[in-house]
Amino acid sequence: MKRILYLGEIGYHNAGDQVMWDVFRHQFNKHLQGSRFEVAGSLSGGADPLAFDAVVLGGGSLIAPTYLAKLAEADKGNKPYYIWGSGVDKLVSKKGLDAMLNGTPLPAKLIAQSIHSDVFQRARFTAVRGPLSQAFLQMGGVAAENIAVSGDPALLLTPEDAKPVSYEPPLPRDRPYIGINWGTAMNLVFGHDEASVEDKLVRAAKEWIRQGYSILMFVMWPHDIAASRRMMHKIGCKNRVRLFETVNPYQLMSIIGQCKFTVDFKLHAAVLSAVMRIPFIALGYRFKVFDFAASIDALPYVLSTDSSTLDQKLLQLSTRIEENYTDTVNEIDRQVFPYQKKKMLAEPFFRRLQKEVETN
């Protein structure tokens, strides 16, 4: 029996991390024989790479020192290891991101010293979430030929994966819905002022209600519920705002599917909106949001949380979506479909994993 270690942020009841672990296990079970292969998931802290036949760095923003150290351990123990749709996040400051988006070279001090190019060079397979992660790693000395862009692993989902939600009382159908995903990142956001972002989003929500919309609020993590309840109270208009507190990613897909468009704080709220072919405005609170958006040519739909005019920009962008709605939906489909068709993180990856682990 060959044992595979999946490294990921497992066990926090975070919808994004959970859905990527689900996708990995589904593809694992689909393409590898259960009598010959088994997989175990673990956070970086409790993982022993040498107890397994191979190590997979899973989806999420795991290109970070603690997880890369586990790959280095695997390397020293001659265990094959793979990078499966992971991405960069906290290693890049807002100043560094702005430099990248403007096409200017990053000062050496903005390039993380913790990026060891040999870890990537010796990986059997490296695919990252988006082109900004790829570019940052190249700036850190990783050869371009050693990094592919796979898209976020959750893009392997389809609208058919959505699960029904019991709407009690039933959702009124007299007005269109805007989905709002809110929560907390413990103030680790660009601008370092979650409270200000919340107030600006409240002002935009009140204006959308005035324009004739109703609001469906949803969360991606249990710790997001308190912040979302607070926001709902600030918006008021109880008969026009409903908060769903489920963190089941497949039910969240169904909720998103009820919306004309969504405004998303957490990364995988935007990813699931793209899967459902629902236009979205992403709140760019850290590098990872911009990275995903760049992977589907959606950077114009990301608004940085450090913007002093965020509320005005939200209203302007929502108007743009409304006025170009069909084209926006078609463009999301055009951008997402190639990832779903190519399936770099599905059969091709698992066939390679099987072959190399069996012969290692």
Protein backbone atom coordinates (compact mmCIF):
# COMPACT_ATOMS: atom_id res chain seq x y z
CA MET A 1 0.00 0.00 0.00
CA LYS A 2 1.41 3.38 -1.07
CA ARG A 3 0.68 6.22 1.36
CA ILE A 4 0.31 9.82 0.14
CA LEU A 5 0.46 12.83 2.46
CA TYR A 6 -1.72 15.82 1.53
CA LEU A 7 -0.58 19.00 3.26
CA GLY A 8 -3.32 21.57 3.70
CA GLU A 9 -5.22 23.83 6.08
CA ILE A 10 -7.54 21.02 7.12
CA GLY A 11 -9.85 20.98 10.12
CA TYR A 12 -10.74 24.66 10.48
CA HIS A 13 -14.20 24.30 8.87
CA ASN A 14 -13.16 26.83 6.25
CA ALA A 15 -15.27 26.27 3.13
CA GLY A 16 -12.41 27.06 0.74
CA ASP A 17 -9.86 24.73 2.32
CA GLN A 18 -12.50 22.04 2.76
CA VAL A 19 -13.61 22.11 -0.85
CA MET A 20 -10.02 21.80 -2.15
CA TRP A 21 -9.41 18.80 0.13
CA ASP A 22 -12.70 17.32 -1.14
CA VAL A 23 -11.66 17.88 -4.77
CA PHE A 24 -8.29 16.23 -4.15
CA ARG A 25 -9.84 13.17 -2.48
CA HIS A 26 -12.46 12.86 -5.20
CA GLN A 27 -9.84 12.88 -7.93
CA PHE A 28 -7.56 10.59 -5.89
CA ASN A 29 -10.31 8.00 -5.48
CA LYS A 30 -11.36 8.35 -9.11
CA HIS A 31 -7.93 7.78 -10.62
CA LEU A 32 -6.04 5.64 -8.08
CA GLN A 33 -6.96 2.16 -6.89
CA GLY A 34 -8.00 2.10 -3.24
CA SER A 35 -6.35 -1.28 -2.76
CA ARG A 36 -2.96 0.19 -3.68
CA PHE A 37 -3.07 3.85 -2.60
CA GLU A 38 -4.32 5.75 0.42
CA VAL A 39 -4.18 9.44 1.30
CA ALA A 40 -4.02 11.25 4.63
CA GLY A 41 -4.45 14.97 5.14
CA SER A 42 -2.53 17.03 7.66
CA LEU A 43 -1.60 20.54 8.70
CA SER A 44 2.10 21.32 8.46
CA GLY A 45 2.67 21.11 12.20
CA GLY A 46 1.67 17.50 12.70
CA ALA A 47 3.03 16.09 9.46
CA ASP A 48 5.92 13.64 9.11
CA PRO A 49 6.78 13.50 5.40
CA LEU A 50 9.16 10.58 5.90
CA ALA A 51 6.29 8.34 7.03
CA PHE A 52 4.77 8.50 3.55
CA ASP A 53 5.70 7.43 0.04
CA ALA A 54 5.00 10.87 -1.45
CA VAL A 55 3.97 14.35 -0.32
CA VAL A 56 1.49 16.72 -2.02
CA LEU A 57 1.36 20.39 -1.08
CA GLY A 58 -2.34 21.01 -1.54
CA GLY A 59 -4.53 23.88 -2.60
CA GLY A 60 -4.53 27.15 -0.70
CA SER A 61 -1.97 29.82 0.07
CA LEU A 62 0.59 27.27 1.22
CA ILE A 63 3.70 28.57 -0.49
CA ALA A 64 4.91 29.77 2.88
CA PRO A 65 7.87 28.90 5.12
CA THR A 66 6.20 26.28 7.35
CA TYR A 67 4.89 24.25 4.43
CA LEU A 68 7.97 24.64 2.25
CA ALA A 69 9.99 23.31 5.19
CA LYS A 70 7.98 20.09 5.00
CA LEU A 71 8.82 19.76 1.31
CA ALA A 72 12.48 20.26 2.18
CA GLU A 73 12.17 17.43 4.72
CA ALA A 74 10.68 15.19 2.04
CA ASP A 75 13.51 16.14 -0.30
CA LYS A 76 16.17 15.25 2.26
CA GLY A 77 14.46 11.90 2.81
CA ASN A 78 14.34 11.19 -0.93
CA LYS A 79 10.54 11.27 -0.94
CA PRO A 80 8.92 12.58 -4.14
CA TYR A 81 6.84 15.69 -3.60
CA TYR A 82 4.36 17.69 -5.66
CA ILE A 83 2.81 21.18 -5.56
CA TRP A 84 -0.87 20.92 -6.47
CA GLY A 85 -2.44 24.31 -7.20
CA SER A 86 -0.94 26.10 -4.20
CA GLY A 87 -0.37 29.85 -4.17
CA VAL A 88 1.51 32.74 -2.61
CA ASP A 89 -0.19 35.18 -0.26
CA LYS A 90 1.30 36.80 2.85
CA LEU A 91 4.82 36.77 1.41
CA VAL A 92 3.84 39.73 -0.79
CA SER A 93 3.08 43.15 0.67
CA LYS A 94 0.70 45.65 -0.91
CA LYS A 95 3.73 47.63 -2.08
CA GLY A 96 5.12 44.51 -3.73
CA LEU A 97 1.78 43.69 -5.35
CA ASP A 98 1.43 47.23 -6.70
CA ALA A 99 4.90 46.99 -8.22
CA MET A 100 4.02 43.71 -9.91
CA LEU A 101 0.73 45.03 -11.27
CA ASN A 102 2.50 48.12 -12.61
CA GLY A 103 5.16 46.01 -14.31
CA THR A 104 8.03 47.45 -12.29
CA PRO A 105 10.79 45.29 -10.77
CA LEU A 106 10.45 44.44 -7.11
CA PRO A 107 13.21 45.75 -4.85
CA ALA A 108 15.25 42.85 -3.48
CA LYS A 109 13.96 43.48 0.04
CA LEU A 110 10.38 42.81 -1.13
CA ILE A 111 11.25 39.35 -2.44
CA ALA A 112 10.89 36.80 0.34
CA GLN A 113 14.17 35.29 1.38
CA SER A 114 12.27 32.14 2.38
CA ILE A 115 11.75 31.17 -1.27
CA HIS A 116 14.35 28.50 -1.91
CA SER A 117 14.38 27.83 -5.64
CA ASP A 118 15.91 24.38 -5.22
CA VAL A 119 12.76 23.17 -3.42
CA PHE A 120 10.77 23.99 -6.55
CA GLN A 121 13.43 22.73 -8.90
CA ARG A 122 13.40 19.28 -7.30
CA ALA A 123 9.61 18.98 -7.10
CA ARG A 124 8.23 16.32 -9.43
CA PHE A 125 5.37 18.66 -10.38
CA THR A 126 4.69 22.31 -9.57
CA ALA A 127 1.41 24.01 -10.48
CA VAL A 128 0.36 27.25 -8.82
CA ARG A 129 -2.99 28.99 -8.45
CA GLY A 130 -2.33 32.02 -10.62
CA PRO A 131 0.11 33.99 -12.78
CA LEU A 132 1.03 36.39 -9.97
CA SER A 133 2.21 33.49 -7.79
CA GLN A 134 4.16 32.23 -10.79
CA ALA A 135 5.73 35.64 -11.42
CA PHE A 136 6.67 36.14 -7.77
CA LEU A 137 8.39 32.76 -7.62
CA GLN A 138 10.31 33.59 -10.78
CA MET A 139 11.47 36.82 -9.17
CA GLY A 140 12.65 34.68 -6.25
CA GLY A 141 14.84 32.63 -8.57
CA VAL A 142 12.56 29.74 -9.53
CA ALA A 143 13.02 28.86 -13.21
CA ALA A 144 9.96 29.53 -15.37
CA GLU A 145 9.98 25.99 -16.75
CA ASN A 146 9.52 24.65 -13.22
CA ILE A 147 6.17 26.38 -12.62
CA ALA A 148 2.85 25.91 -14.40
CA VAL A 149 -0.39 27.80 -13.73
CA SER A 150 -3.19 25.36 -12.95
CA GLY A 151 -5.84 27.71 -11.63
CA ASP A 152 -7.41 27.23 -8.22
CA PRO A 153 -8.22 23.56 -7.54
CA ALA A 154 -11.85 24.48 -6.82
CA LEU A 155 -12.25 25.39 -10.50
CA LEU A 156 -12.56 21.64 -11.10
CA LEU A 157 -16.06 21.93 -9.61
CA THR A 158 -19.08 22.54 -11.84
CA PRO A 159 -22.51 24.08 -11.12
CA GLU A 160 -23.88 20.53 -10.90
CA ASP A 161 -21.92 20.08 -7.64
CA ALA A 162 -24.18 22.59 -5.86
CA LYS A 163 -26.43 21.12 -3.16
CA PRO A 164 -29.97 22.35 -2.41
CA VAL A 165 -30.61 24.73 0.46
CA SER A 166 -33.85 24.88 2.40
CA TYR A 167 -35.01 28.48 2.20
CA GLU A 168 -37.33 28.95 5.17
CA PRO A 169 -39.19 31.14 4.73
CA PRO A 170 -38.95 30.84 0.93
CA LEU A 171 -36.97 33.50 -0.89
CA PRO A 172 -39.26 36.18 -2.34
CA ARG A 173 -38.88 36.44 -6.10
CA ASP A 174 -40.05 40.04 -6.49
CA ARG A 175 -36.52 41.50 -6.50
CA PRO A 176 -33.10 40.40 -7.78
CA TYR A 177 -30.46 39.43 -5.21
CA ILE A 178 -26.92 40.61 -4.62
CA GLY A 179 -24.80 38.16 -2.65
CA ILE A 180 -22.48 39.65 -0.04
CA ASN A 181 -19.79 37.53 1.56
CA TRP A 182 -18.37 39.13 4.68
CA GLY A 183 -16.32 38.00 7.66
CA THR A 184 -12.97 38.64 9.22
CA ALA A 185 -9.32 38.13 8.34
CA MET A 186 -8.31 39.27 11.83
CA ASN A 187 -7.52 42.68 10.30
CA LEU A 188 -4.69 41.19 8.22
CA VAL A 189 -5.94 43.09 5.20
CA PHE A 190 -4.48 45.73 2.90
CA GLY A 191 -5.07 49.00 4.73
CA HIS A 192 -5.29 47.25 8.12
CA ASP A 193 -8.82 48.57 8.69
CA GLU A 194 -11.52 45.92 8.38
CA ALA A 195 -13.98 48.17 10.22
CA SER A 196 -13.70 50.85 7.55
CA VAL A 197 -14.18 48.27 4.78
CA GLU A 198 -17.28 47.00 6.56
CA ASP A 199 -18.79 50.47 6.83
CA LYS A 200 -18.14 51.22 3.16
CA LEU A 201 -19.74 47.91 2.17
CA VAL A 202 -22.75 48.75 4.36
CA ARG A 203 -23.17 52.08 2.55
CA ALA A 204 -23.05 50.32 -0.82
CA ALA A 205 -25.55 47.68 0.35
CA LYS A 206 -28.02 50.35 1.45
CA GLU A 207 -27.77 51.98 -1.96
CA TRP A 208 -28.33 48.65 -3.74
CA ILE A 209 -31.44 48.11 -1.64
CA ARG A 210 -32.63 51.61 -2.59
CA GLN A 211 -32.08 50.66 -6.24
CA GLY A 212 -34.40 47.65 -5.86
CA TYR A 213 -32.15 44.76 -4.86
CA SER A 214 -32.37 42.43 -1.89
CA ILE A 215 -29.26 41.06 -0.17
CA LEU A 216 -28.23 37.47 0.52
CA MET A 217 -25.31 37.41 2.96
CA PHE A 218 -23.18 34.29 3.37
CA VAL A 219 -20.03 33.22 5.18
CA MET A 220 -17.10 30.93 4.41
CA TRP A 221 -15.89 30.22 7.94
CA PRO A 222 -17.63 29.97 11.34
CA HIS A 223 -15.55 32.88 12.64
CA ASP A 224 -17.15 35.04 9.92
CA ILE A 225 -20.62 34.77 11.43
CA ALA A 226 -20.29 37.41 14.15
CA ALA A 227 -18.94 40.01 11.72
CA SER A 228 -21.70 39.21 9.23
CA ARG A 229 -24.42 39.51 11.87
CA ARG A 230 -22.99 42.90 12.80
CA MET A 231 -23.02 44.01 9.18
CA MET A 232 -26.59 42.82 8.69
CA HIS A 233 -27.64 44.86 11.73
CA LYS A 234 -25.90 47.95 10.31
CA ILE A 235 -27.64 47.57 6.94
CA GLY A 236 -31.06 47.29 8.56
CA CYS A 237 -34.00 46.68 6.19
CA LYS A 238 -34.66 43.30 7.80
CA ASN A 239 -37.17 42.26 5.16
CA ARG A 240 -34.58 42.81 2.41
CA VAL A 241 -31.51 41.16 3.94
CA ARG A 242 -30.99 37.51 4.85
CA LEU A 243 -27.89 35.90 6.32
CA PHE A 244 -27.03 32.24 5.73
CA GLU A 245 -24.67 30.78 8.30
CA THR A 246 -23.85 27.47 6.61
CA VAL A 247 -20.20 26.89 5.70
CA ASN A 248 -21.01 23.87 3.53
CA PRO A 249 -19.31 24.84 0.24
CA TYR A 250 -21.86 23.01 -1.92
CA GLN A 251 -24.78 24.76 -0.26
CA LEU A 252 -22.90 28.03 -0.65
CA MET A 253 -22.72 27.34 -4.39
CA SER A 254 -26.50 27.03 -4.43
CA ILE A 255 -26.92 30.32 -2.52
CA ILE A 256 -24.51 32.08 -4.90
CA GLY A 257 -26.53 30.70 -7.81
CA GLN A 258 -29.57 32.70 -6.62
CA CYS A 259 -27.71 35.99 -7.04
CA LYS A 260 -27.41 38.44 -9.92
CA PHE A 261 -23.84 39.06 -8.80
CA THR A 262 -21.79 38.75 -5.61
CA VAL A 263 -19.44 40.92 -3.60
CA ASP A 264 -16.86 38.65 -2.02
CA PHE A 265 -14.46 39.18 0.83
CA LYS A 266 -13.02 35.67 1.10
CA LEU A 267 -11.11 34.24 -1.85
CA HIS A 268 -13.19 31.11 -2.35
CA ALA A 269 -16.43 33.05 -2.34
CA ALA A 270 -15.14 34.57 -5.57
CA VAL A 271 -13.89 31.19 -6.83
CA LEU A 272 -17.28 29.56 -6.22
CA SER A 273 -19.01 32.50 -7.92
CA ALA A 274 -16.83 31.91 -10.98
CA VAL A 275 -17.65 28.18 -10.89
CA MET A 276 -21.36 29.08 -10.83
CA ARG A 277 -20.84 31.61 -13.69
CA ILE A 278 -22.08 34.41 -11.46
CA PRO A 279 -20.35 37.80 -11.91
CA PHE A 280 -18.46 38.93 -8.83
CA ILE A 281 -16.68 41.89 -7.30
CA ALA A 282 -13.78 40.68 -5.17
CA LEU A 283 -12.53 42.66 -2.19
CA GLY A 284 -8.78 42.53 -2.67
CA TYR A 285 -7.69 42.18 0.92
CA ARG A 286 -4.47 40.27 0.22
CA PHE A 287 -2.29 39.09 -2.66
CA LYS A 288 -4.17 35.80 -3.15
CA VAL A 289 -7.37 37.53 -4.31
CA PHE A 290 -5.51 39.36 -7.06
CA ASP A 291 -3.66 36.15 -7.97
CA PHE A 292 -6.88 34.22 -8.54
CA ALA A 293 -8.50 37.09 -10.43
CA ALA A 294 -5.48 37.33 -12.72
CA SER A 295 -5.85 33.63 -13.53
CA ILE A 296 -9.26 34.29 -15.11
CA ASP A 297 -8.53 37.79 -16.46
CA ALA A 298 -10.78 39.38 -13.83
CA LEU A 299 -8.45 41.95 -12.23
CA PRO A 300 -10.80 44.81 -13.20
CA TYR A 301 -13.33 43.23 -10.81
CA VAL A 302 -11.01 43.40 -7.77
CA LEU A 303 -11.16 46.42 -5.48
CA SER A 304 -8.38 46.82 -2.94
CA THR A 305 -9.51 47.09 0.67
CA ASP A 306 -7.17 50.06 1.22
CA SER A 307 -9.20 52.24 -1.16
CA SER A 308 -10.61 55.37 0.50
CA THR A 309 -13.43 55.41 -2.07
CA LEU A 310 -14.30 51.71 -1.89
CA ASP A 311 -18.04 52.34 -1.51
CA GLN A 312 -18.15 54.53 -4.62
CA LYS A 313 -16.10 52.03 -6.61
CA LEU A 314 -18.43 49.19 -5.55
CA LEU A 315 -21.41 51.09 -6.94
CA GLN A 316 -19.59 52.00 -10.15
CA LEU A 317 -18.49 48.42 -10.74
CA SER A 318 -21.94 47.01 -9.99
CA THR A 319 -23.38 49.38 -12.60
CA ARG A 320 -20.79 48.15 -15.10
CA ILE A 321 -21.80 44.55 -14.41
CA GLU A 322 -25.49 45.37 -14.79
CA GLU A 323 -24.96 47.19 -18.08
CA ASN A 324 -22.80 44.41 -19.54
CA TYR A 325 -24.34 41.45 -17.77
CA THR A 326 -24.51 38.84 -20.54
CA ASP A 327 -21.03 39.67 -21.79
CA THR A 328 -19.66 39.44 -18.24
CA VAL A 329 -21.20 36.00 -17.68
CA ASN A 330 -19.93 34.77 -21.04
CA GLU A 331 -16.42 36.05 -20.27
CA ILE A 332 -16.34 34.20 -16.93
CA ASP A 333 -17.36 31.02 -18.73
CA ARG A 334 -14.73 31.59 -21.41
CA GLN A 335 -12.01 32.02 -18.80
CA VAL A 336 -13.01 29.17 -16.45
CA PHE A 337 -13.81 26.54 -19.08
CA PRO A 338 -10.19 25.93 -20.21
CA TYR A 339 -9.15 25.02 -16.66
CA GLN A 340 -12.05 22.61 -16.41
CA LYS A 341 -11.29 21.13 -19.83
CA LYS A 342 -7.54 20.77 -19.38
CA LYS A 343 -7.89 19.43 -15.82
CA MET A 344 -4.18 19.76 -15.09
CA LEU A 345 -4.86 18.92 -11.44
CA ALA A 346 -7.06 15.93 -12.23
CA GLU A 347 -6.29 12.86 -14.38
CA PRO A 348 -2.89 13.98 -15.78
CA PHE A 349 -1.61 14.73 -12.29
CA PHE A 350 -2.83 11.52 -10.69
CA ARG A 351 -1.55 9.32 -13.53
CA ARG A 352 1.85 10.91 -13.05
CA LEU A 353 1.64 10.48 -9.28
CA GLN A 354 0.77 6.80 -9.66
CA LYS A 355 3.59 6.10 -12.08
CA GLU A 356 6.28 7.91 -10.13
CA VAL A 357 5.30 6.63 -6.69
CA GLU A 358 5.14 3.04 -7.90
CA THR A 359 8.60 3.30 -9.45
CA ASN A 360 10.28 5.37 -6.74
